[in-house]
C-alpha atoms as a PDB file:
ATOM      1  CA  MET A   1     128.162  57.788  -1.427  1.00  0.00           C
ATOM      2  CA  ILE A   2     128.231  54.393   0.285  1.00  0.00           C
ATOM      3  CA  ASP A   3     130.338  51.273  -0.212  1.00  0.00           C
ATOM      4  CA  SER A   4     127.460  48.784  -0.381  1.00  0.00           C
ATOM      5  CA  GLN A   5     124.453  48.238  -2.621  1.00  0.00           C
ATOM      6  CA  ASP A   6     120.930  47.328  -1.599  1.00  0.00           C
ATOM      7  CA  ASN A   7     118.856  46.498  -4.645  1.00  0.00           C
ATOM      8  CA  ASP A   8     115.688  46.092  -2.580  1.00  0.00           C
ATOM      9  CA  LEU A   9     115.915  49.701  -1.411  1.00  0.00           C
ATOM     10  CA  VAL A  10     116.342  50.918  -4.971  1.00  0.00           C
ATOM     11  CA  LYS A  11     113.384  48.781  -6.013  1.00  0.00           C
ATOM     12  CA  ALA A  12     111.246  50.240  -3.216  1.00  0.00           C
ATOM     13  CA  VAL A  13     111.896  53.881  -4.060  1.00  0.00           C
ATOM     14  CA  THR A  14     111.196  53.557  -7.800  1.00  0.00           C
ATOM     15  CA  GLY A  15     107.595  54.249  -6.833  1.00  0.00           C
ATOM     16  CA  LEU A  16     108.528  57.740  -5.607  1.00  0.00           C
ATOM     17  CA  GLU A  17     109.258  58.905  -9.170  1.00  0.00           C
ATOM     18  CA  GLY A  18     107.331  61.977 -10.313  1.00  0.00           C
ATOM     19  CA  GLY A  19     106.481  63.069  -6.803  1.00  0.00           C
ATOM     20  CA  CYS A  20     105.277  59.652  -5.538  1.00  0.00           C
ATOM     21  CA  VAL A  21     103.681  57.624  -8.348  1.00  0.00           C
ATOM     22  CA  ALA A  22     103.822  60.781 -10.474  1.00  0.00           C
ATOM     23  CA  CYS A  23     101.272  62.611  -8.301  1.00  0.00           C
ATOM     24  CA  GLY A  24     103.438  65.739  -8.379  1.00  0.00           C
ATOM     25  CA  SER A  25     104.410  65.958  -4.717  1.00  0.00           C
ATOM     26  CA  THR A  26     107.986  65.861  -3.378  1.00  0.00           C
ATOM     27  CA  CYS A  27     110.381  65.196  -6.268  1.00  0.00           C
ATOM     28  CA  GLY A  28     111.793  61.670  -6.439  1.00  0.00           C
ATOM     29  CA  VAL A  29     115.285  63.151  -6.547  1.00  0.00           C
ATOM     30  CA  VAL A  30     114.551  64.718  -3.159  1.00  0.00           C
ATOM     31  CA  SER A  31     112.905  61.698  -1.538  1.00  0.00           C
ATOM     32  CA  GLY A  32     115.519  59.305  -2.921  1.00  0.00           C
ATOM     33  CA  GLY A  33     118.397  61.584  -1.972  1.00  0.00           C
ATOM     34  CA  SER A  34     117.006  61.907   1.542  1.00  0.00           C
ATOM     35  CA  LEU A  35     117.152  58.156   1.985  1.00  0.00           C
ATOM     36  CA  GLY A  36     120.684  58.293   0.604  1.00  0.00           C
ATOM     37  CA  ILE A  37     121.669  60.718   3.378  1.00  0.00           C
ATOM     38  CA  ALA A  38     120.428  58.259   5.993  1.00  0.00           C
ATOM     39  CA  LEU A  39     122.248  55.397   4.266  1.00  0.00           C
ATOM     40  CA  ASN A  40     125.460  57.384   4.344  1.00  0.00           C
ATOM     41  CA  HIS A  41     125.153  57.709   8.142  1.00  0.00           C
ATOM     42  CA  GLU A  42     123.661  54.265   8.814  1.00  0.00           C
ATOM     43  CA  SER A  43     126.456  53.063  11.096  1.00  0.00           C
ATOM     44  CA  GLU A  44     126.233  56.237  13.182  1.00  0.00           C
ATOM     45  CA  ILE A  45     122.472  55.847  13.484  1.00  0.00           C
ATOM     46  CA  ALA A  46     122.914  52.258  14.678  1.00  0.00           C
ATOM     47  CA  ALA A  47     125.540  53.318  17.218  1.00  0.00           C
ATOM     48  CA  ASN A  48     124.033  56.566  18.477  1.00  0.00           C
ATOM     49  CA  GLY A  49     120.275  56.134  18.086  1.00  0.00           C
ATOM     50  CA  VAL A  50     118.024  59.150  18.382  1.00  0.00           C
ATOM     51  CA  SER A  51     120.850  61.676  18.674  1.00  0.00           C
ATOM     52  CA  ALA A  52     122.104  60.653  15.223  1.00  0.00           C
ATOM     53  CA  GLU A  53     118.599  60.427  13.753  1.00  0.00           C
ATOM     54  CA  LYS A  54     117.866  64.009  14.819  1.00  0.00           C
ATOM     55  CA  LYS A  55     120.990  65.303  13.103  1.00  0.00           C
ATOM     56  CA  VAL A  56     120.330  63.258   9.969  1.00  0.00           C
ATOM     57  CA  LEU A  57     116.792  64.639   9.827  1.00  0.00           C
ATOM     58  CA  THR A  58     118.254  68.136  10.059  1.00  0.00           C
ATOM     59  CA  GLN A  59     120.597  67.354   7.153  1.00  0.00           C
ATOM     60  CA  VAL A  60     117.659  66.055   5.140  1.00  0.00           C
ATOM     61  CA  GLY A  61     115.751  69.274   5.802  1.00  0.00           C
ATOM     62  CA  GLU A  62     118.767  71.300   4.657  1.00  0.00           C
ATOM     63  CA  TYR A  63     118.953  69.215   1.472  1.00  0.00           C
ATOM     64  CA  VAL A  64     115.259  69.741   0.712  1.00  0.00           C
ATOM     65  CA  ASP A  65     115.662  73.476   1.320  1.00  0.00           C
ATOM     66  CA  TRP A  66     118.751  73.628  -0.923  1.00  0.00           C
ATOM     67  CA  PHE A  67     116.981  71.740  -3.697  1.00  0.00           C
ATOM     68  CA  GLY A  68     113.942  74.009  -3.597  1.00  0.00           C
ATOM     69  CA  LYS A  69     116.012  77.202  -3.649  1.00  0.00           C
ATOM     70  CA  THR A  70     118.331  75.905  -6.381  1.00  0.00           C
ATOM     71  CA  TYR A  71     115.725  74.466  -8.746  1.00  0.00           C
ATOM     72  CA  GLY A  72     112.673  76.546  -7.916  1.00  0.00           C
ATOM     73  CA  SER A  73     110.676  73.933  -6.005  1.00  0.00           C
ATOM     74  CA  SER A  74     111.145  70.646  -4.179  1.00  0.00           C
ATOM     75  CA  PHE A  75     107.834  69.434  -5.659  1.00  0.00           C
ATOM     76  CA  CYS A  76     107.687  67.681  -9.025  1.00  0.00           C
ATOM     77  CA  ARG A  77     104.631  69.667 -10.090  1.00  0.00           C
ATOM     78  CA  GLY A  78     106.422  72.903  -9.195  1.00  0.00           C
ATOM     79  CA  ARG A  79     109.586  72.031 -11.121  1.00  0.00           C
ATOM     80  CA  THR A  80     108.137  70.404 -14.217  1.00  0.00           C
ATOM     81  CA  ARG A  81     104.679  72.018 -14.318  1.00  0.00           C
ATOM     82  CA  THR A  82     103.420  68.633 -15.484  1.00  0.00           C
ATOM     83  CA  ASP A  83     100.282  66.646 -14.751  1.00  0.00           C
ATOM     84  CA  PHE A  84     101.305  63.042 -15.448  1.00  0.00           C
ATOM     85  CA  TYR A  85      97.706  61.903 -15.030  1.00  0.00           C
ATOM     86  CA  SER A  86      96.702  63.642 -18.266  1.00  0.00           C
ATOM     87  CA  ILE A  87      97.678  62.778 -21.846  1.00  0.00           C
ATOM     88  CA  TRP A  88      98.528  66.398 -22.625  1.00  0.00           C
ATOM     89  CA  GLY A  89     100.690  66.639 -19.512  1.00  0.00           C
ATOM     90  CA  GLN A  90     102.732  63.586 -20.441  1.00  0.00           C
ATOM     91  CA  LEU A  91     103.126  64.738 -24.037  1.00  0.00           C
ATOM     92  CA  LYS A  92     104.436  68.116 -22.844  1.00  0.00           C
ATOM     93  CA  TYR A  93     106.915  66.452 -20.511  1.00  0.00           C
ATOM     94  CA  PHE A  94     108.331  63.806 -22.846  1.00  0.00           C
ATOM     95  CA  LEU A  95     108.272  65.896 -26.030  1.00  0.00           C
ATOM     96  CA  THR A  96     109.481  69.163 -24.515  1.00  0.00           C
ATOM     97  CA  ILE A  97     113.171  68.451 -24.115  1.00  0.00           C
ATOM     98  CA  TYR A  98     113.918  71.023 -21.445  1.00  0.00           C
ATOM     99  CA  ARG A  99     111.526  69.406 -18.940  1.00  0.00           C
ATOM    100  CA  LEU A 100     112.974  65.911 -19.289  1.00  0.00           C
ATOM    101  CA  SER A 101     116.583  67.077 -19.553  1.00  0.00           C
ATOM    102  CA  GLY A 102     116.045  69.324 -16.540  1.00  0.00           C
ATOM    103  CA  CYS A 103     115.349  66.277 -14.394  1.00  0.00           C
ATOM    104  CA  PHE A 104     118.663  64.712 -15.395  1.00  0.00           C
ATOM    105  CA  TRP A 105     120.434  68.009 -14.716  1.00  0.00           C
ATOM    106  CA  HIS A 106     118.888  68.197 -11.253  1.00  0.00           C
ATOM    107  CA  ILE A 107     119.917  64.613 -10.511  1.00  0.00           C
ATOM    108  CA  ARG A 108     123.482  65.526 -11.404  1.00  0.00           C
ATOM    109  CA  GLY A 109     123.455  68.625  -9.221  1.00  0.00           C
ATOM    110  CA  SER A 110     121.896  66.788  -6.304  1.00  0.00           C
ATOM    111  CA  MET A 111     124.456  64.009  -6.403  1.00  0.00           C
ATOM    112  CA  ARG A 112     127.231  66.592  -6.296  1.00  0.00           C
ATOM    113  CA  TYR A 113     125.590  68.353  -3.346  1.00  0.00           C
ATOM    114  CA  LEU A 114     125.042  65.115  -1.444  1.00  0.00           C
ATOM    115  CA  TYR A 115     128.581  63.920  -2.013  1.00  0.00           C
ATOM    116  CA  GLN A 116     130.108  67.206  -0.907  1.00  0.00           C
ATOM    117  CA  THR A 117     127.967  67.777   2.189  1.00  0.00           C
ATOM    118  CA  ASN A 118     127.513  64.312   3.696  1.00  0.00           C
ATOM    119  CA  GLN A 119     131.032  63.120   4.419  1.00  0.00           C
ATOM    120  CA  LYS A 120     131.273  64.374   8.010  1.00  0.00           C
ATOM    121  CA  PRO A 121     129.902  62.297  10.927  1.00  0.00           C
ATOM    122  CA  VAL A 122     126.622  63.473  12.427  1.00  0.00           C
ATOM    123  CA  ALA A 123     127.256  62.276  15.994  1.00  0.00           C
ATOM    124  CA  SER A 124     130.195  61.442  18.222  1.00  0.00           C
ATOM    125  CA  PRO A 125     130.823  57.751  19.025  1.00  0.00           C
ATOM    126  CA  ASN A 126     129.198  56.376  22.177  1.00  0.00           C
ATOM    127  CA  ASN A 127     126.800  59.306  22.330  1.00  0.00           C
ATOM    128  CA  PHE A 128     123.613  57.246  22.361  1.00  0.00           C
ATOM    129  CA  ALA A 129     120.559  59.284  23.325  1.00  0.00           C
ATOM    130  CA  THR A 130     116.868  58.542  23.756  1.00  0.00           C
ATOM    131  CA  ASP A 131     113.927  60.802  23.126  1.00  0.00           C
ATOM    132  CA  LYS A 132     112.730  62.537  26.297  1.00  0.00           C
ATOM    133  CA  ALA A 133     109.148  61.626  25.518  1.00  0.00           C
ATOM    134  CA  GLY A 134     109.998  57.948  25.051  1.00  0.00           C
ATOM    135  CA  LYS A 135     110.338  55.889  21.883  1.00  0.00           C
ATOM    136  CA  PRO A 136     109.912  58.152  18.840  1.00  0.00           C
ATOM    137  CA  PHE A 137     107.108  57.558  16.341  1.00  0.00           C
ATOM    138  CA  HIS A 138     107.688  57.672  12.590  1.00  0.00           C
ATOM    139  CA  CYS A 139     104.870  57.664  10.032  1.00  0.00           C
ATOM    140  CA  ALA A 140     106.534  55.809   7.162  1.00  0.00           C
ATOM    141  CA  ARG A 141     108.093  53.292   9.544  1.00  0.00           C
ATOM    142  CA  ALA A 142     104.721  52.580  11.164  1.00  0.00           C
ATOM    143  CA  VAL A 143     103.199  51.865   7.753  1.00  0.00           C
ATOM    144  CA  LEU A 144     106.104  49.665   6.637  1.00  0.00           C
ATOM    145  CA  GLU A 145     106.005  47.695   9.892  1.00  0.00           C
ATOM    146  CA  GLY A 146     102.245  47.233   9.528  1.00  0.00           C
ATOM    147  CA  ILE A 147     102.582  46.021   5.952  1.00  0.00           C
ATOM    148  CA  CYS A 148     105.282  43.536   6.971  1.00  0.00           C
ATOM    149  CA  GLU A 149     103.156  42.245   9.840  1.00  0.00           C
ATOM    150  CA  ASN A 150     100.168  41.769   7.527  1.00  0.00           C
ATOM    151  CA  THR A 151     101.911  40.323   4.483  1.00  0.00           C
ATOM    152  CA  GLY A 152     105.456  39.285   5.369  1.00  0.00           C
ATOM    153  CA  ILE A 153     106.790  41.768   2.782  1.00  0.00           C
ATOM    154  CA  GLY A 154     109.296  44.100   4.394  1.00  0.00           C
ATOM    155  CA  ASN A 155     112.816  45.404   4.628  1.00  0.00           C
ATOM    156  CA  LYS A 156     114.227  46.174   8.061  1.00  0.00           C
ATOM    157  CA  ARG A 157     116.823  48.554   6.660  1.00  0.00           C
ATOM    158  CA  LEU A 158     114.134  50.600   4.924  1.00  0.00           C
ATOM    159  CA  GLU A 159     112.055  50.637   8.111  1.00  0.00           C
ATOM    160  CA  ASN A 160     114.998  51.851  10.196  1.00  0.00           C
ATOM    161  CA  LEU A 161     115.929  54.669   7.831  1.00  0.00           C
ATOM    162  CA  SER A 162     112.439  55.806   6.820  1.00  0.00           C
ATOM    163  CA  PHE A 163     112.371  58.372   9.648  1.00  0.00           C
ATOM    164  CA  VAL A 164     113.784  60.787   7.030  1.00  0.00           C
ATOM    165  CA  TYR A 165     110.230  61.102   5.682  1.00  0.00           C
ATOM    166  CA  ASP A 166     108.880  62.501   8.963  1.00  0.00           C
ATOM    167  CA  GLY A 167     106.925  65.711   8.564  1.00  0.00           C
ATOM    168  CA  GLY A 168     106.886  65.473   4.790  1.00  0.00           C
ATOM    169  CA  VAL A 169     110.582  64.645   4.158  1.00  0.00           C
ATOM    170  CA  GLY A 170     112.953  66.230   6.644  1.00  0.00           C
ATOM    171  CA  LEU A 171     110.078  68.160   8.288  1.00  0.00           C
ATOM    172  CA  SER A 172     109.730  70.200   5.084  1.00  0.00           C
ATOM    173  CA  GLY A 173     105.956  69.725   4.803  1.00  0.00           C
ATOM    174  CA  GLY A 174     106.158  67.703   1.578  1.00  0.00           C
ATOM    175  CA  VAL A 175     104.790  64.272   0.706  1.00  0.00           C
ATOM    176  CA  CYS A 176     103.155  62.524   3.669  1.00  0.00           C
ATOM    177  CA  GLY A 177     105.291  59.842   5.306  1.00  0.00           C
ATOM    178  CA  ALA A 178     102.325  57.473   5.517  1.00  0.00           C
ATOM    179  CA  LEU A 179     101.887  57.657   1.744  1.00  0.00           C
ATOM    180  CA  VAL A 180     105.618  57.103   1.221  1.00  0.00           C
ATOM    181  CA  GLY A 181     105.437  54.049   3.476  1.00  0.00           C
ATOM    182  CA  ALA A 182     102.542  52.590   1.490  1.00  0.00           C
ATOM    183  CA  ILE A 183     104.183  53.118  -1.906  1.00  0.00           C
ATOM    184  CA  THR A 184     107.640  51.886  -0.907  1.00  0.00           C
ATOM    185  CA  GLY A 185     106.051  48.868   0.799  1.00  0.00           C
ATOM    186  CA  ILE A 186     104.159  47.936  -2.369  1.00  0.00           C
ATOM    187  CA  ASN A 187     107.283  48.432  -4.465  1.00  0.00           C
ATOM    188  CA  LEU A 188     109.302  46.050  -2.311  1.00  0.00           C
ATOM    189  CA  LEU A 189     107.198  43.446  -4.107  1.00  0.00           C
ATOM    190  CA  LEU A 190     106.193  45.076  -7.394  1.00  0.00           C
ATOM    191  CA  GLY A 191     108.827  47.768  -8.018  1.00  0.00           C
ATOM    192  CA  LEU A 192     111.275  47.839 -10.892  1.00  0.00           C
ATOM    193  CA  SER A 193     114.575  46.103 -10.089  1.00  0.00           C
ATOM    194  CA  VAL A 194     116.489  48.644 -12.146  1.00  0.00           C
ATOM    195  CA  ARG A 195     119.937  47.324 -11.236  1.00  0.00           C
ATOM    196  CA  ASP A 196     118.994  43.893 -12.582  1.00  0.00           C
ATOM    197  CA  MET A 197     117.358  45.121 -15.793  1.00  0.00           C
ATOM    198  CA  PHE A 198     118.701  46.021 -19.217  1.00  0.00           C
ATOM    199  CA  TYR A 199     118.280  49.686 -20.107  1.00  0.00           C
ATOM    200  CA  TRP A 200     115.553  49.039 -22.684  1.00  0.00           C
ATOM    201  CA  LYS A 201     113.544  47.044 -20.143  1.00  0.00           C
ATOM    202  CA  ILE A 202     113.744  49.931 -17.693  1.00  0.00           C
ATOM    203  CA  ILE A 203     112.457  52.304 -20.374  1.00  0.00           C
ATOM    204  CA  LYS A 204     109.686  49.842 -21.242  1.00  0.00           C
ATOM    205  CA  GLY A 205     108.712  49.477 -17.572  1.00  0.00           C
ATOM    206  CA  PHE A 206     108.457  53.221 -17.001  1.00  0.00           C
ATOM    207  CA  SER A 207     106.662  53.741 -20.316  1.00  0.00           C
ATOM    208  CA  VAL A 208     104.025  51.108 -19.527  1.00  0.00           C
ATOM    209  CA  GLY A 209     103.709  52.551 -16.037  1.00  0.00           C
ATOM    210  CA  HIS A 210     103.039  56.059 -17.326  1.00  0.00           C
ATOM    211  CA  VAL A 211     100.456  54.756 -19.788  1.00  0.00           C
ATOM    212  CA  ASN A 212      98.742  52.973 -16.910  1.00  0.00           C
ATOM    213  CA  LEU A 213      98.412  56.300 -15.106  1.00  0.00           C
ATOM    214  CA  LEU A 214      96.018  57.312 -17.896  1.00  0.00           C
ATOM    215  CA  VAL A 215      93.875  54.210 -18.427  1.00  0.00           C
ATOM    216  CA  ASP A 216      91.287  52.345 -16.379  1.00  0.00           C
ATOM    217  CA  ARG A 217      92.299  48.887 -17.582  1.00  0.00           C
ATOM    218  CA  PRO A 218      96.047  48.494 -17.035  1.00  0.00           C
ATOM    219  CA  PHE A 219      98.559  46.982 -19.407  1.00  0.00           C
ATOM    220  CA  GLY A 220     100.665  44.168 -18.004  1.00  0.00           C
ATOM    221  CA  THR A 221     100.460  42.252 -14.765  1.00  0.00           C
ATOM    222  CA  ARG A 222     102.105  43.102 -11.441  1.00  0.00           C
ATOM    223  CA  GLU A 223     102.484  46.668 -12.712  1.00  0.00           C
ATOM    224  CA  PRO A 224     103.613  49.017  -9.897  1.00  0.00           C
ATOM    225  CA  PHE A 225     102.360  52.323 -11.318  1.00  0.00           C
ATOM    226  CA  ASN A 226      98.811  51.023 -11.651  1.00  0.00           C
ATOM    227  CA  ALA A 227      98.947  49.616  -8.120  1.00  0.00           C
ATOM    228  CA  GLY A 228     100.360  52.835  -6.712  1.00  0.00           C
ATOM    229  CA  LYS A 229      97.830  54.945  -8.620  1.00  0.00           C
ATOM    230  CA  GLN A 230      95.032  53.309  -6.686  1.00  0.00           C
ATOM    231  CA  VAL A 231      96.646  54.276  -3.382  1.00  0.00           C
ATOM    232  CA  VAL A 232      97.465  57.896  -4.197  1.00  0.00           C
ATOM    233  CA  LYS A 233      93.975  58.586  -5.542  1.00  0.00           C
ATOM    234  CA  LYS A 234      92.246  57.155  -2.481  1.00  0.00           C
ATOM    235  CA  PHE A 235      94.731  58.881  -0.184  1.00  0.00           C
ATOM    236  CA  LYS A 236      93.957  62.260  -1.761  1.00  0.00           C
ATOM    237  CA  GLU A 237      90.224  61.649  -1.365  1.00  0.00           C
ATOM    238  CA  ILE A 238      90.613  60.833   2.330  1.00  0.00           C
ATOM    239  CA  ALA A 239      93.352  63.291   3.336  1.00  0.00           C
ATOM    240  CA  GLY A 240      92.525  66.129   0.957  1.00  0.00           C
ATOM    241  CA  SER A 241      96.190  66.507   0.012  1.00  0.00           C
ATOM    242  CA  PHE A 242      99.382  64.552  -0.541  1.00  0.00           C
ATOM    243  CA  GLU A 243     101.446  66.958   1.575  1.00  0.00           C
ATOM    244  CA  CYS A 244     102.078  66.802   5.308  1.00  0.00           C
ATOM    245  CA  GLN A 245     101.833  70.550   5.861  1.00  0.00           C
ATOM    246  CA  ALA A 246      98.419  70.768   4.198  1.00  0.00           C
ATOM    247  CA  ILE A 247      97.123  67.713   6.062  1.00  0.00           C
ATOM    248  CA  THR A 248      98.383  68.757   9.502  1.00  0.00           C
ATOM    249  CA  GLU A 249      98.069  72.521   8.922  1.00  0.00           C
ATOM    250  CA  LYS A 250     101.413  72.788  10.671  1.00  0.00           C
ATOM    251  CA  LYS A 251     105.042  73.530   9.839  1.00  0.00           C
ATOM    252  CA  PHE A 252     107.286  71.641  12.245  1.00  0.00           C
ATOM    253  CA  SER A 253     110.189  73.483  13.843  1.00  0.00           C
ATOM    254  CA  GLY A 254     112.188  70.349  14.632  1.00  0.00           C
ATOM    255  CA  TRP A 255     112.263  66.755  15.835  1.00  0.00           C
ATOM    256  CA  ASP A 256     110.716  67.461  19.257  1.00  0.00           C
ATOM    257  CA  ASP A 257     107.916  69.551  17.769  1.00  0.00           C
ATOM    258  CA  PHE A 258     107.040  66.772  15.332  1.00  0.00           C
ATOM    259  CA  GLN A 259     107.144  64.051  17.981  1.00  0.00           C
ATOM    260  CA  ALA A 260     104.924  66.054  20.341  1.00  0.00           C
ATOM    261  CA  PHE A 261     102.397  66.489  17.546  1.00  0.00           C
ATOM    262  CA  ILE A 262     102.357  63.042  15.944  1.00  0.00           C
ATOM    263  CA  LYS A 263     101.815  61.123  19.169  1.00  0.00           C
ATOM    264  CA  GLY A 264      98.451  62.805  19.632  1.00  0.00           C
ATOM    265  CA  ALA A 265      97.405  63.305  16.002  1.00  0.00           C
ATOM    266  CA  SER A 266      94.317  61.145  15.485  1.00  0.00           C
ATOM    267  CA  GLN A 267      93.937  62.170  11.833  1.00  0.00           C
ATOM    268  CA  CYS A 268      97.503  61.078  11.071  1.00  0.00           C
ATOM    269  CA  ARG A 269      96.964  57.750  12.850  1.00  0.00           C
ATOM    270  CA  LYS A 270      93.870  57.159  10.707  1.00  0.00           C
ATOM    271  CA  LEU A 271      95.879  57.864   7.554  1.00  0.00           C
ATOM    272  CA  ILE A 272      98.571  55.463   8.726  1.00  0.00           C
ATOM    273  CA  ASP A 273      95.959  52.755   9.317  1.00  0.00           C
ATOM    274  CA  PHE A 274      94.494  53.430   5.868  1.00  0.00           C
ATOM    275  CA  ALA A 275      97.920  53.248   4.234  1.00  0.00           C
ATOM    276  CA  VAL A 276      98.710  49.936   5.936  1.00  0.00           C
ATOM    277  CA  GLU A 277      95.430  48.318   4.950  1.00  0.00           C
ATOM    278  CA  GLU A 278      95.389  49.653   1.396  1.00  0.00           C
ATOM    279  CA  ALA A 279      98.985  48.642   0.668  1.00  0.00           C
ATOM    280  CA  SER A 280      98.546  45.262   2.354  1.00  0.00           C
ATOM    281  CA  GLY A 281      95.453  44.551   0.277  1.00  0.00           C
ATOM    282  CA  ILE A 282      97.277  45.309  -2.962  1.00  0.00           C
ATOM    283  CA  ILE A 283     100.274  43.183  -1.975  1.00  0.00           C
ATOM    284  CA  ARG A 284      98.013  40.229  -1.139  1.00  0.00           C
ATOM    285  CA  GLN A 285      96.569  40.382  -4.660  1.00  0.00           C
ATOM    286  CA  TYR A 286      99.993  39.644  -6.130  1.00  0.00           C
ATOM    287  CA  GLN A 287     101.558  37.302  -3.588  1.00  0.00           C
END
């Protein structure tokens, strides 16, 4: 879809596999594809600011909606009916061919959709706009910026494009942007550099990671699934859910609705602070 590669971005989003560290929330094909939409329009976002971001967020929402209608759900747990935090769940997924092959089929279909629908510009040149309520606030970006300030680990490109995770990925109510920010921030340091790895090492990395979802004493050092598991479990205990709609008890109608809500949402700000501190603490352990 784009003419350039950014291995750090790919490394960061490996943690979103299985619905964000395999917790079953928004499918990694959806969350990864959403970032791909923003990447495809990166120059327009840089040139046109908020006006382009709004239209990209709309495109992301349309993609999430298409995915859910086409494949039955935009959530990993809804598509695969798998609990990756149980031995039986993992056995069903990896030994039942249709579940695993279905994921590859959905990746193929999503790439075709994204290629066909994201070639047109989202905003006219020199049409820079600002939000009427002032500088917009983005959950994942706030977490990523906080992590970078605390640890020095960051990626400005990821920060700038992470607005696609607002309102649970394109305002769809899925995985919380604060949780996405924490996991992608950790994976900037610990994630799998899949473009630099041989295929068998990728398989080994994901296999060890899935085993570490099941055990208390992890295998390997600097293992991203074990690190991410700690965050998602604590996040669920504090927030009660992984999903934005369940946490906020609100379905956002658009950019302005989300911005009006988030700027006064004390619960969301507390979750953002938690995500920053939790992710920063984990990163410091491995620096």
